[in-house]
Amino acid sequence: MLRLLPTKKILQKSFGNHVKELRSKKNLTQIDVSSKMNKDQQSLQRVESGNVSPSLYYLFELAEGLDVSIEELMCFKIEKKKKKEK
C-alpha cells in the first residue's frame, strides 16, 4: 500500500506547534527554554514557527530544555494539509 508523506513544510509546522504546546504546558517562555539550551530565543522561535528543520543534536538539546524525553518530543500529530478556500 502506497502511503503519501507529508510535505516538509507541513511536517515542520506540525513539529513547531507541538514544541510550542509542550513549552506552554510547562508555563515556560521561549527565553526560558532557549536559555537552558544555550541558544538565542530566535532559534527556538524559528522552530516553533515551522521555518526550519532542526538537526538531530538540536532535538536532543530541545528535549533537555523542555525537560521531556526525546520520545515525547518526537511523538506529535502531523496536521493535515489545509484546502485552499474558494
PDB file of N, CA and C in Angstrom:
ATOM      1  N   MET A   1       0.842  -1.184   0.000  1.00  0.00           N
ATOM      2  CA  MET A   1       0.000   0.000   0.000  1.00  0.00           C
ATOM      3  C   MET A   1       0.885   1.244   0.000  1.00  0.00           C
ATOM      4  N   LEU A   2       0.629   2.150  -0.903  1.00  0.00           N
ATOM      5  CA  LEU A   2       1.389   3.383  -1.017  1.00  0.00           C
ATOM      6  C   LEU A   2       0.858   4.409  -0.023  1.00  0.00           C
ATOM      7  N   ARG A   3       1.764   4.964   0.764  1.00  0.00           N
ATOM      8  CA  ARG A   3       1.374   5.967   1.757  1.00  0.00           C
ATOM      9  C   ARG A   3       2.084   7.269   1.416  1.00  0.00           C
ATOM     10  N   LEU A   4       1.324   8.334   1.288  1.00  0.00           N
ATOM     11  CA  LEU A   4       1.903   9.618   0.937  1.00  0.00           C
ATOM     12  C   LEU A   4       2.506  10.287   2.162  1.00  0.00           C
ATOM     13  N   LEU A   5       3.703  10.812   2.005  1.00  0.00           N
ATOM     14  CA  LEU A   5       4.360  11.525   3.083  1.00  0.00           C
ATOM     15  C   LEU A   5       3.890  12.971   3.111  1.00  0.00           C
ATOM     16  N   PRO A   6       3.893  13.573   4.307  1.00  0.00           N
ATOM     17  CA  PRO A   6       3.537  14.998   4.365  1.00  0.00           C
ATOM     18  C   PRO A   6       4.649  15.818   3.713  1.00  0.00           C
ATOM     19  N   THR A   7       4.325  17.018   3.301  1.00  0.00           N
ATOM     20  CA  THR A   7       5.360  17.889   2.758  1.00  0.00           C
ATOM     21  C   THR A   7       6.288  18.318   3.896  1.00  0.00           C
ATOM     22  N   LYS A   8       7.458  18.768   3.524  1.00  0.00           N
ATOM     23  CA  LYS A   8       8.426  19.244   4.512  1.00  0.00           C
ATOM     24  C   LYS A   8       7.825  20.380   5.328  1.00  0.00           C
ATOM     25  N   LYS A   9       7.136  21.291   4.678  1.00  0.00           N
ATOM     26  CA  LYS A   9       6.549  22.457   5.364  1.00  0.00           C
ATOM     27  C   LYS A   9       5.486  22.018   6.378  1.00  0.00           C
ATOM     28  N   ILE A  10       4.645  21.067   6.017  1.00  0.00           N
ATOM     29  CA  ILE A  10       3.616  20.575   6.935  1.00  0.00           C
ATOM     30  C   ILE A  10       4.268  19.887   8.131  1.00  0.00           C
ATOM     31  N   LEU A  11       5.297  19.111   7.878  1.00  0.00           N
ATOM     32  CA  LEU A  11       5.997  18.419   8.958  1.00  0.00           C
ATOM     33  C   LEU A  11       6.651  19.422   9.914  1.00  0.00           C
ATOM     34  N   GLN A  12       7.334  20.421   9.359  1.00  0.00           N
ATOM     35  CA  GLN A  12       7.968  21.447  10.190  1.00  0.00           C
ATOM     36  C   GLN A  12       6.945  22.207  11.012  1.00  0.00           C
ATOM     37  N   LYS A  13       5.830  22.577  10.403  1.00  0.00           N
ATOM     38  CA  LYS A  13       4.774  23.333  11.093  1.00  0.00           C
ATOM     39  C   LYS A  13       4.150  22.484  12.204  1.00  0.00           C
ATOM     40  N   SER A  14       3.888  21.225  11.931  1.00  0.00           N
ATOM     41  CA  SER A  14       3.306  20.325  12.928  1.00  0.00           C
ATOM     42  C   SER A  14       4.241  20.156  14.119  1.00  0.00           C
ATOM     43  N   PHE A  15       5.530  19.967  13.836  1.00  0.00           N
ATOM     44  CA  PHE A  15       6.509  19.822  14.908  1.00  0.00           C
ATOM     45  C   PHE A  15       6.607  21.110  15.713  1.00  0.00           C
ATOM     46  N   GLY A  16       6.647  22.234  15.036  1.00  0.00           N
ATOM     47  CA  GLY A  16       6.725  23.525  15.718  1.00  0.00           C
ATOM     48  C   GLY A  16       5.552  23.759  16.651  1.00  0.00           C
ATOM     49  N   ASN A  17       4.368  23.415  16.197  1.00  0.00           N
ATOM     50  CA  ASN A  17       3.172  23.560  17.039  1.00  0.00           C
ATOM     51  C   ASN A  17       3.264  22.650  18.266  1.00  0.00           C
ATOM     52  N   HIS A  18       3.795  21.462  18.083  1.00  0.00           N
ATOM     53  CA  HIS A  18       3.963  20.516  19.186  1.00  0.00           C
ATOM     54  C   HIS A  18       4.955  21.065  20.223  1.00  0.00           C
ATOM     55  N   VAL A  19       6.064  21.607  19.755  1.00  0.00           N
ATOM     56  CA  VAL A  19       7.061  22.182  20.662  1.00  0.00           C
ATOM     57  C   VAL A  19       6.442  23.332  21.459  1.00  0.00           C
ATOM     58  N   LYS A  20       5.718  24.193  20.766  1.00  0.00           N
ATOM     59  CA  LYS A  20       5.073  25.330  21.432  1.00  0.00           C
ATOM     60  C   LYS A  20       4.080  24.843  22.489  1.00  0.00           C
ATOM     61  N   GLU A  21       3.333  23.798  22.174  1.00  0.00           N
ATOM     62  CA  GLU A  21       2.368  23.236  23.113  1.00  0.00           C
ATOM     63  C   GLU A  21       3.074  22.649  24.342  1.00  0.00           C
ATOM     64  N   LEU A  22       4.147  21.901  24.127  1.00  0.00           N
ATOM     65  CA  LEU A  22       4.910  21.343  25.255  1.00  0.00           C
ATOM     66  C   LEU A  22       5.440  22.459  26.151  1.00  0.00           C
ATOM     67  N   ARG A  23       5.976  23.497  25.539  1.00  0.00           N
ATOM     68  CA  ARG A  23       6.530  24.620  26.283  1.00  0.00           C
ATOM     69  C   ARG A  23       5.443  25.353  27.072  1.00  0.00           C
ATOM     70  N   SER A  24       4.315  25.585  26.432  1.00  0.00           N
ATOM     71  CA  SER A  24       3.206  26.293  27.075  1.00  0.00           C
ATOM     72  C   SER A  24       2.638  25.511  28.254  1.00  0.00           C
ATOM     73  N   LYS A  25       2.528  24.187  28.100  1.00  0.00           N
ATOM     74  CA  LYS A  25       2.012  23.347  29.193  1.00  0.00           C
ATOM     75  C   LYS A  25       2.892  23.428  30.435  1.00  0.00           C
ATOM     76  N   LYS A  26       4.166  23.729  30.240  1.00  0.00           N
ATOM     77  CA  LYS A  26       5.097  23.839  31.367  1.00  0.00           C
ATOM     78  C   LYS A  26       5.248  25.288  31.833  1.00  0.00           C
ATOM     79  N   ASN A  27       4.432  26.177  31.261  1.00  0.00           N
ATOM     80  CA  ASN A  27       4.476  27.608  31.594  1.00  0.00           C
ATOM     81  C   ASN A  27       5.875  28.205  31.430  1.00  0.00           C
ATOM     82  N   LEU A  28       6.534  27.813  30.338  1.00  0.00           N
ATOM     83  CA  LEU A  28       7.865  28.318  30.038  1.00  0.00           C
ATOM     84  C   LEU A  28       7.781  29.282  28.858  1.00  0.00           C
ATOM     85  N   THR A  29       8.633  30.285  28.873  1.00  0.00           N
ATOM     86  CA  THR A  29       8.738  31.185  27.732  1.00  0.00           C
ATOM     87  C   THR A  29       9.787  30.646  26.773  1.00  0.00           C
ATOM     88  N   GLN A  30       9.817  31.198  25.577  1.00  0.00           N
ATOM     89  CA  GLN A  30      10.873  30.824  24.630  1.00  0.00           C
ATOM     90  C   GLN A  30      12.242  31.161  25.212  1.00  0.00           C
ATOM     91  N   ILE A  31      12.321  32.260  25.945  1.00  0.00           N
ATOM     92  CA  ILE A  31      13.593  32.663  26.556  1.00  0.00           C
ATOM     93  C   ILE A  31      14.016  31.657  27.623  1.00  0.00           C
ATOM     94  N   ASP A  32      13.055  31.158  28.421  1.00  0.00           N
ATOM     95  CA  ASP A  32      13.370  30.145  29.438  1.00  0.00           C
ATOM     96  C   ASP A  32      14.015  28.913  28.797  1.00  0.00           C
ATOM     97  N   VAL A  33      13.368  28.404  27.780  1.00  0.00           N
ATOM     98  CA  VAL A  33      13.832  27.168  27.136  1.00  0.00           C
ATOM     99  C   VAL A  33      15.139  27.398  26.391  1.00  0.00           C
ATOM    100  N   SER A  34      15.206  28.461  25.618  1.00  0.00           N
ATOM    101  CA  SER A  34      16.430  28.710  24.843  1.00  0.00           C
ATOM    102  C   SER A  34      17.627  28.963  25.762  1.00  0.00           C
ATOM    103  N   SER A  35      17.404  29.575  26.909  1.00  0.00           N
ATOM    104  CA  SER A  35      18.495  29.783  27.876  1.00  0.00           C
ATOM    105  C   SER A  35      19.027  28.454  28.396  1.00  0.00           C
ATOM    106  N   LYS A  36      18.126  27.509  28.679  1.00  0.00           N
ATOM    107  CA  LYS A  36      18.539  26.183  29.139  1.00  0.00           C
ATOM    108  C   LYS A  36      19.338  25.450  28.064  1.00  0.00           C
ATOM    109  N   MET A  37      19.084  25.801  26.813  1.00  0.00           N
ATOM    110  CA  MET A  37      19.759  25.161  25.683  1.00  0.00           C
ATOM    111  C   MET A  37      21.034  25.898  25.275  1.00  0.00           C
ATOM    112  N   ASN A  38      21.284  27.053  25.886  1.00  0.00           N
ATOM    113  CA  ASN A  38      22.392  27.930  25.480  1.00  0.00           C
ATOM    114  C   ASN A  38      22.255  28.374  24.022  1.00  0.00           C
ATOM    115  N   LYS A  39      21.022  28.697  23.657  1.00  0.00           N
ATOM    116  CA  LYS A  39      20.713  29.197  22.311  1.00  0.00           C
ATOM    117  C   LYS A  39      20.029  30.552  22.456  1.00  0.00           C
ATOM    118  N   ASP A  40      19.915  31.283  21.352  1.00  0.00           N
ATOM    119  CA  ASP A  40      19.152  32.523  21.427  1.00  0.00           C
ATOM    120  C   ASP A  40      17.665  32.233  21.222  1.00  0.00           C
ATOM    121  N   GLN A  41      16.837  33.134  21.663  1.00  0.00           N
ATOM    122  CA  GLN A  41      15.381  32.959  21.601  1.00  0.00           C
ATOM    123  C   GLN A  41      14.902  32.823  20.158  1.00  0.00           C
ATOM    124  N   GLN A  42      15.553  33.514  19.233  1.00  0.00           N
ATOM    125  CA  GLN A  42      15.150  33.457  17.827  1.00  0.00           C
ATOM    126  C   GLN A  42      15.313  32.052  17.249  1.00  0.00           C
ATOM    127  N   SER A  43      16.278  31.312  17.737  1.00  0.00           N
ATOM    128  CA  SER A  43      16.490  29.936  17.287  1.00  0.00           C
ATOM    129  C   SER A  43      15.253  29.093  17.579  1.00  0.00           C
ATOM    130  N   LEU A  44      14.751  29.190  18.794  1.00  0.00           N
ATOM    131  CA  LEU A  44      13.554  28.438  19.182  1.00  0.00           C
ATOM    132  C   LEU A  44      12.320  28.970  18.458  1.00  0.00           C
ATOM    133  N   GLN A  45      12.252  30.267  18.272  1.00  0.00           N
ATOM    134  CA  GLN A  45      11.117  30.875  17.573  1.00  0.00           C
ATOM    135  C   GLN A  45      11.013  30.336  16.149  1.00  0.00           C
ATOM    136  N   ARG A  46      12.140  30.159  15.479  1.00  0.00           N
ATOM    137  CA  ARG A  46      12.140  29.636  14.102  1.00  0.00           C
ATOM    138  C   ARG A  46      11.636  28.191  14.060  1.00  0.00           C
ATOM    139  N   VAL A  47      11.988  27.403  15.083  1.00  0.00           N
ATOM    140  CA  VAL A  47      11.500  26.021  15.153  1.00  0.00           C
ATOM    141  C   VAL A  47       9.996  26.021  15.390  1.00  0.00           C
ATOM    142  N   GLU A  48       9.537  26.796  16.372  1.00  0.00           N
ATOM    143  CA  GLU A  48       8.109  26.827  16.701  1.00  0.00           C
ATOM    144  C   GLU A  48       7.251  27.354  15.559  1.00  0.00           C
ATOM    145  N   SER A  49       7.793  28.236  14.760  1.00  0.00           N
ATOM    146  CA  SER A  49       7.019  28.778  13.634  1.00  0.00           C
ATOM    147  C   SER A  49       7.045  27.867  12.413  1.00  0.00           C
ATOM    148  N   GLY A  50       7.859  26.804  12.477  1.00  0.00           N
ATOM    149  CA  GLY A  50       7.919  25.856  11.366  1.00  0.00           C
ATOM    150  C   GLY A  50       8.787  26.310  10.216  1.00  0.00           C
ATOM    151  N   ASN A  51       9.718  27.225  10.499  1.00  0.00           N
ATOM    152  CA  ASN A  51      10.564  27.764   9.431  1.00  0.00           C
ATOM    153  C   ASN A  51      11.861  27.006   9.215  1.00  0.00           C
ATOM    154  N   VAL A  52      12.205  26.084  10.119  1.00  0.00           N
ATOM    155  CA  VAL A  52      13.453  25.338   9.987  1.00  0.00           C
ATOM    156  C   VAL A  52      13.245  23.868  10.339  1.00  0.00           C
ATOM    157  N   SER A  53      14.159  23.045   9.855  1.00  0.00           N
ATOM    158  CA  SER A  53      14.218  21.639  10.256  1.00  0.00           C
ATOM    159  C   SER A  53      15.401  21.503  11.204  1.00  0.00           C
ATOM    160  N   PRO A  54      15.149  21.322  12.498  1.00  0.00           N
ATOM    161  CA  PRO A  54      16.258  21.256  13.443  1.00  0.00           C
ATOM    162  C   PRO A  54      17.109  20.000  13.243  1.00  0.00           C
ATOM    163  N   SER A  55      18.384  20.128  13.582  1.00  0.00           N
ATOM    164  CA  SER A  55      19.304  18.988  13.482  1.00  0.00           C
ATOM    165  C   SER A  55      18.998  17.976  14.584  1.00  0.00           C
ATOM    166  N   LEU A  56      19.543  16.809  14.430  1.00  0.00           N
ATOM    167  CA  LEU A  56      19.374  15.765  15.434  1.00  0.00           C
ATOM    168  C   LEU A  56      19.915  16.228  16.783  1.00  0.00           C
ATOM    169  N   TYR A  57      21.074  16.860  16.777  1.00  0.00           N
ATOM    170  CA  TYR A  57      21.669  17.349  18.024  1.00  0.00           C
ATOM    171  C   TYR A  57      20.767  18.406  18.663  1.00  0.00           C
ATOM    172  N   TYR A  58      20.209  19.308  17.852  1.00  0.00           N
ATOM    173  CA  TYR A  58      19.308  20.343  18.359  1.00  0.00           C
ATOM    174  C   TYR A  58      18.087  19.703  19.022  1.00  0.00           C
ATOM    175  N   LEU A  59      17.580  18.610  18.453  1.00  0.00           N
ATOM    176  CA  LEU A  59      16.425  17.934  19.036  1.00  0.00           C
ATOM    177  C   LEU A  59      16.728  17.423  20.444  1.00  0.00           C
ATOM    178  N   PHE A  60      17.920  16.881  20.634  1.00  0.00           N
ATOM    179  CA  PHE A  60      18.306  16.426  21.975  1.00  0.00           C
ATOM    180  C   PHE A  60      18.460  17.608  22.932  1.00  0.00           C
ATOM    181  N   GLU A  61      19.017  18.710  22.448  1.00  0.00           N
ATOM    182  CA  GLU A  61      19.127  19.915  23.274  1.00  0.00           C
ATOM    183  C   GLU A  61      17.733  20.444  23.636  1.00  0.00           C
ATOM    184  N   LEU A  62      16.839  20.395  22.684  1.00  0.00           N
ATOM    185  CA  LEU A  62      15.473  20.874  22.902  1.00  0.00           C
ATOM    186  C   LEU A  62      14.745  20.014  23.927  1.00  0.00           C
ATOM    187  N   ALA A  63      14.899  18.714  23.833  1.00  0.00           N
ATOM    188  CA  ALA A  63      14.287  17.819  24.822  1.00  0.00           C
ATOM    189  C   ALA A  63      14.802  18.155  26.221  1.00  0.00           C
ATOM    190  N   GLU A  64      16.099  18.399  26.345  1.00  0.00           N
ATOM    191  CA  GLU A  64      16.684  18.805  27.632  1.00  0.00           C
ATOM    192  C   GLU A  64      16.085  20.125  28.103  1.00  0.00           C
ATOM    193  N   GLY A  65      16.021  21.091  27.206  1.00  0.00           N
ATOM    194  CA  GLY A  65      15.493  22.414  27.548  1.00  0.00           C
ATOM    195  C   GLY A  65      14.047  22.386  27.993  1.00  0.00           C
ATOM    196  N   LEU A  66      13.276  21.470  27.410  1.00  0.00           N
ATOM    197  CA  LEU A  66      11.860  21.330  27.770  1.00  0.00           C
ATOM    198  C   LEU A  66      11.643  20.340  28.915  1.00  0.00           C
ATOM    199  N   ASP A  67      12.708  19.644  29.293  1.00  0.00           N
ATOM    200  CA  ASP A  67      12.654  18.614  30.327  1.00  0.00           C
ATOM    201  C   ASP A  67      11.643  17.519  29.970  1.00  0.00           C
ATOM    202  N   VAL A  68      11.778  17.022  28.721  1.00  0.00           N
ATOM    203  CA  VAL A  68      10.956  15.912  28.240  1.00  0.00           C
ATOM    204  C   VAL A  68      11.885  14.877  27.615  1.00  0.00           C
ATOM    205  N   SER A  69      11.383  13.678  27.445  1.00  0.00           N
ATOM    206  CA  SER A  69      12.165  12.645  26.761  1.00  0.00           C
ATOM    207  C   SER A  69      12.173  12.939  25.264  1.00  0.00           C
ATOM    208  N   ILE A  70      13.158  12.393  24.588  1.00  0.00           N
ATOM    209  CA  ILE A  70      13.214  12.551  23.134  1.00  0.00           C
ATOM    210  C   ILE A  70      11.985  11.899  22.499  1.00  0.00           C
ATOM    211  N   GLU A  71      11.489  10.830  23.124  1.00  0.00           N
ATOM    212  CA  GLU A  71      10.279  10.162  22.612  1.00  0.00           C
ATOM    213  C   GLU A  71       9.072  11.085  22.693  1.00  0.00           C
ATOM    214  N   GLU A  72       8.930  11.784  23.827  1.00  0.00           N
ATOM    215  CA  GLU A  72       7.804  12.709  23.981  1.00  0.00           C
ATOM    216  C   GLU A  72       7.923  13.871  22.999  1.00  0.00           C
ATOM    217  N   LEU A  73       9.136  14.337  22.791  1.00  0.00           N
ATOM    218  CA  LEU A  73       9.355  15.429  21.856  1.00  0.00           C
ATOM    219  C   LEU A  73       8.983  15.027  20.435  1.00  0.00           C
ATOM    220  N   MET A  74       9.297  13.792  20.063  1.00  0.00           N
ATOM    221  CA  MET A  74       9.095  13.361  18.685  1.00  0.00           C
ATOM    222  C   MET A  74       7.730  12.726  18.419  1.00  0.00           C
ATOM    223  N   CYS A  75       6.920  12.572  19.445  1.00  0.00           N
ATOM    224  CA  CYS A  75       5.586  11.981  19.273  1.00  0.00           C
ATOM    225  C   CYS A  75       4.570  13.108  19.092  1.00  0.00           C
ATOM    226  N   PHE A  76       4.324  13.465  17.851  1.00  0.00           N
ATOM    227  CA  PHE A  76       3.402  14.567  17.563  1.00  0.00           C
ATOM    228  C   PHE A  76       2.516  14.225  16.376  1.00  0.00           C
ATOM    229  N   LYS A  77       1.376  14.862  16.358  1.00  0.00           N
ATOM    230  CA  LYS A  77       0.397  14.633  15.293  1.00  0.00           C
ATOM    231  C   LYS A  77       0.741  15.507  14.091  1.00  0.00           C
ATOM    232  N   ILE A  78       0.772  14.897  12.936  1.00  0.00           N
ATOM    233  CA  ILE A  78       1.040  15.637  11.707  1.00  0.00           C
ATOM    234  C   ILE A  78      -0.279  16.215  11.204  1.00  0.00           C
ATOM    235  N   GLU A  79      -0.299  17.515  11.094  1.00  0.00           N
ATOM    236  CA  GLU A  79      -1.517  18.204  10.667  1.00  0.00           C
ATOM    237  C   GLU A  79      -1.804  17.922   9.201  1.00  0.00           C
ATOM    238  N   LYS A  80      -3.058  17.894   8.891  1.00  0.00           N
ATOM    239  CA  LYS A  80      -3.474  17.675   7.507  1.00  0.00           C
ATOM    240  C   LYS A  80      -3.274  18.954   6.709  1.00  0.00           C
ATOM    241  N   LYS A  81      -2.991  18.787   5.454  1.00  0.00           N
ATOM    242  CA  LYS A  81      -2.851  19.938   4.568  1.00  0.00           C
ATOM    243  C   LYS A  81      -4.210  20.607   4.426  1.00  0.00           C
ATOM    244  N   LYS A  82      -4.216  21.901   4.645  1.00  0.00           N
ATOM    245  CA  LYS A  82      -5.475  22.660   4.553  1.00  0.00           C
ATOM    246  C   LYS A  82      -5.809  22.932   3.102  1.00  0.00           C
ATOM    247  N   LYS A  83      -7.079  22.751   2.772  1.00  0.00           N
ATOM    248  CA  LYS A  83      -7.528  23.054   1.411  1.00  0.00           C
ATOM    249  C   LYS A  83      -7.681  24.557   1.275  1.00  0.00           C
ATOM    250  N   LYS A  84      -7.337  25.041   0.100  1.00  0.00           N
ATOM    251  CA  LYS A  84      -7.473  26.470  -0.164  1.00  0.00           C
ATOM    252  C   LYS A  84      -8.946  26.843  -0.239  1.00  0.00           C
ATOM    253  N   GLU A  85      -9.262  27.979   0.394  1.00  0.00           N
ATOM    254  CA  GLU A  85     -10.646  28.451   0.346  1.00  0.00           C
ATOM    255  C   GLU A  85     -10.918  29.077  -1.005  1.00  0.00           C
ATOM    256  N   LYS A  86     -12.165  28.926  -1.462  1.00  0.00           N
ATOM    257  CA  LYS A  86     -12.543  29.487  -2.767  1.00  0.00           C
ATOM    258  C   LYS A  86     -13.207  30.815  -2.600  1.00  0.00           C
TER     259      LYS A  86
END
